[in-house]
Protein backbone atom coordinates (compact mmCIF):
# COMPACT_ATOMS: atom_id res chain seq x y z
CA MET A 1 -39.66 -3.36 50.08
CA CYS A 2 -39.83 0.15 48.75
CA GLN A 3 -37.52 0.18 46.17
CA MET A 4 -38.74 -2.91 44.75
CA MET A 5 -42.40 -1.42 44.22
CA THR A 6 -40.49 1.61 42.61
CA VAL A 7 -39.01 -0.85 40.52
CA GLN A 8 -41.87 -2.46 39.47
CA PHE A 9 -43.69 0.97 39.09
CA GLU A 10 -41.20 2.10 36.83
CA SER A 11 -41.44 -1.28 34.96
CA GLN A 12 -45.54 -0.63 34.61
CA LYS A 13 -45.07 3.17 33.94
CA ARG A 14 -42.65 1.90 30.58
CA GLU A 15 -44.82 -0.53 29.60
CA LEU A 16 -47.86 1.93 29.85
CA GLU A 17 -45.50 4.39 27.71
CA LYS A 18 -44.87 1.73 25.10
CA SER A 19 -48.42 0.91 24.83
CA LEU A 20 -49.70 4.22 24.34
CA ARG A 21 -46.78 5.20 22.23
CA VAL A 22 -48.06 2.19 19.84
CA LYS A 23 -51.94 3.26 20.04
CA LYS A 24 -50.33 6.60 18.93
CA ASP A 25 -48.32 5.36 16.09
CA LYS A 26 -51.18 3.48 15.08
CA LYS A 27 -53.59 6.11 14.82
CA LYS A 28 -51.28 8.30 13.19
CA GLU A 29 -50.89 5.56 10.33
CA THR A 30 -54.65 4.98 9.84
CA MET A 31 -55.22 8.62 9.61
CA THR A 32 -52.28 9.00 7.11
CA ILE A 33 -53.85 5.91 5.01
CA ARG A 34 -57.45 7.62 5.37
CA MET A 35 -55.77 11.33 4.26
CA LYS A 36 -54.04 9.44 1.38
CA GLN A 37 -56.99 7.44 0.28
CA LYS A 38 -59.19 10.47 0.50
CA GLN A 39 -56.80 12.58 -1.87
CA GLN A 40 -56.70 9.96 -4.11
CA SER A 41 -60.44 9.84 -4.55
CA LEU A 42 -60.24 13.29 -4.97
CA THR A 43 -57.70 13.37 -7.55
CA SER A 44 -59.66 10.87 -9.49
CA HIS A 45 -62.69 12.58 -9.51
CA MET A 46 -61.18 15.64 -10.82
CA VAL A 47 -59.53 13.88 -13.37
CA THR A 48 -62.73 11.92 -14.33
CA LYS A 49 -64.31 15.40 -14.18
CA GLN A 50 -61.47 17.13 -16.55
CA SER A 51 -61.56 14.50 -19.10
CA GLU A 52 -65.52 14.74 -19.60
CA GLN A 53 -65.05 18.34 -19.98
CA MET A 54 -62.66 17.85 -22.52
CA LEU A 55 -64.50 15.18 -24.70
CA ASP A 56 -67.53 17.61 -24.32
CA LEU A 57 -65.44 20.61 -25.59
CA LEU A 58 -63.76 17.87 -28.45
CA ALA A 59 -67.14 16.84 -29.48
CA GLN A 60 -68.38 20.63 -29.55
CA LYS A 61 -65.24 21.15 -31.89
CA LYS A 62 -65.98 18.25 -34.25
CA GLN A 63 -69.64 19.79 -34.80
CA ASP A 64 -68.69 23.23 -35.13
CA LEU A 65 -65.99 21.82 -37.80
CA ARG A 66 -68.50 20.08 -39.53
CA LYS A 67 -70.94 22.82 -39.88
CA GLU A 68 -67.86 25.31 -41.05
CA LEU A 69 -67.28 22.15 -43.88
CA GLU A 70 -70.76 22.12 -44.77
CA ARG A 71 -70.74 25.56 -45.05
CA ASN A 72 -67.73 25.88 -47.16
CA TRP A 73 -68.86 22.63 -49.64
CA ARG A 74 -72.12 24.66 -50.41
CA HIS A 75 -70.49 28.01 -50.92
CA ARG A 76 -68.35 26.31 -53.95
């Protein structure tokens, strides 16, 4: 009888360990997905910001070149 309870206990213990392992793996997977999404969002934000800055710089350069061309055209 005692041996039967020990076998039953070991079986329950393995099932519990398996259940905990599955939960842990699922939590780890969820955290990994969240971290990847966060990193992707941060990267996207950074690229957008850099793109806006580059467009601003290009617009300023274009304006500077127009002014320079106007000055050179007037001095002819």
